[in-house]
Amino acid sequence: MKKNILFLLAIAVMSLASCKKNRTCTCTTTTSPGSTSSTTIDTESHLTKKEAKRVLNCYSYTSTSSYVNPITGASTSVVTTVACTLK
């Protein structure tokens, strides 16, 4: 019985330790009409995936901006999409 408890405790410790590691957040920003760029951020400390997402601000989003050219009166909309992946 005691050996089983120690074995289970060892497995639990190993599973928790393997969750924490250096993480990388890569974000691709696409602006339409416009361009595409990519940004990579690395962590220096061992973090869980949830902690790294928060610390690195590794979230995907889409935003739309509209403006009017004061000279021509033409309206333009710019859609910016940021797609992030955490590894």
Protein backbone atom coordinates (compact mmCIF):
# COMPACT_ATOMS: atom_id res chain seq x y z
CA MET A 1 0.00 0.00 0.00
CA LYS A 2 2.79 2.40 0.95
CA LYS A 3 4.63 1.68 -2.31
CA ASN A 4 1.47 2.43 -4.31
CA ILE A 5 1.05 5.80 -2.60
CA LEU A 6 4.69 6.72 -3.25
CA PHE A 7 4.36 5.63 -6.88
CA LEU A 8 1.21 7.73 -7.39
CA LEU A 9 2.86 10.70 -5.67
CA ALA A 10 5.88 10.42 -7.99
CA ILE A 11 3.63 10.35 -11.07
CA ALA A 12 1.70 13.40 -9.83
CA VAL A 13 4.92 15.39 -9.26
CA MET A 14 6.26 14.50 -12.72
CA SER A 15 3.01 15.48 -14.43
CA LEU A 16 2.98 18.88 -12.73
CA ALA A 17 6.62 19.52 -13.54
CA SER A 18 6.14 18.75 -17.23
CA CYS A 19 3.41 21.40 -17.58
CA LYS A 20 5.82 24.25 -16.88
CA LYS A 21 8.30 25.15 -19.59
CA ASN A 22 9.51 28.06 -21.65
CA ARG A 23 6.74 29.25 -23.97
CA THR A 24 6.71 31.12 -27.27
CA CYS A 25 3.89 33.32 -28.51
CA THR A 26 3.81 33.98 -32.26
CA CYS A 27 1.36 36.54 -33.61
CA THR A 28 0.63 37.33 -37.25
CA THR A 29 -0.92 40.74 -37.89
CA THR A 30 -2.83 41.27 -41.13
CA THR A 31 -4.13 44.69 -42.12
CA SER A 32 -6.64 44.91 -44.94
CA PRO A 33 -6.03 46.78 -47.14
CA GLY A 34 -2.36 46.69 -46.30
CA SER A 35 0.25 44.27 -45.14
CA THR A 36 1.11 41.23 -43.02
CA SER A 37 3.74 41.03 -40.29
CA SER A 38 4.79 38.43 -37.73
CA THR A 39 5.99 38.86 -34.15
CA THR A 40 7.45 36.24 -31.79
CA ILE A 41 7.81 36.65 -28.03
CA ASP A 42 9.70 34.12 -25.88
CA THR A 43 9.45 33.63 -22.12
CA GLU A 44 12.53 33.30 -19.97
CA SER A 45 10.82 31.57 -17.07
CA HIS A 46 8.97 28.31 -16.75
CA LEU A 47 5.24 28.95 -17.02
CA THR A 48 2.12 26.92 -17.53
CA LYS A 49 0.26 27.54 -20.77
CA LYS A 50 -2.45 29.57 -19.00
CA GLU A 51 0.12 31.75 -17.19
CA ALA A 52 2.12 32.30 -20.38
CA LYS A 53 -0.96 33.38 -22.34
CA ARG A 54 -1.70 36.02 -19.71
CA VAL A 55 1.90 37.20 -19.19
CA LEU A 56 2.69 37.40 -22.91
CA ASN A 57 -0.72 38.89 -23.78
CA CYS A 58 -1.03 36.13 -26.38
CA TYR A 59 -4.61 36.66 -27.56
CA SER A 60 -6.10 36.75 -31.06
CA TYR A 61 -8.48 39.54 -32.03
CA THR A 62 -9.96 41.52 -34.92
CA SER A 63 -10.59 45.27 -34.96
CA THR A 64 -12.10 47.63 -37.50
CA SER A 65 -11.26 51.33 -37.84
CA SER A 66 -13.00 53.79 -40.11
CA TYR A 67 -11.88 57.25 -41.07
CA VAL A 68 -12.86 59.97 -43.52
CA ASN A 69 -10.30 61.79 -45.62
CA PRO A 70 -10.93 65.49 -44.84
CA ILE A 71 -9.84 66.61 -48.31
CA THR A 72 -11.70 64.16 -50.54
CA GLY A 73 -14.45 63.11 -48.15
CA ALA A 74 -13.79 59.45 -49.00
CA SER A 75 -14.49 56.95 -46.23
CA THR A 76 -12.04 54.11 -45.63
CA SER A 77 -12.27 51.10 -43.32
CA VAL A 78 -9.21 49.22 -42.12
CA VAL A 79 -9.60 45.70 -40.67
CA THR A 80 -6.74 44.49 -38.49
CA THR A 81 -6.60 40.80 -37.59
CA VAL A 82 -4.11 39.47 -35.07
CA ALA A 83 -3.83 35.66 -34.91
CA CYS A 84 -1.69 34.35 -32.02
CA THR A 85 -0.50 30.85 -31.18
CA LEU A 86 1.19 29.76 -27.98
CA LYS A 87 3.71 26.93 -28.06
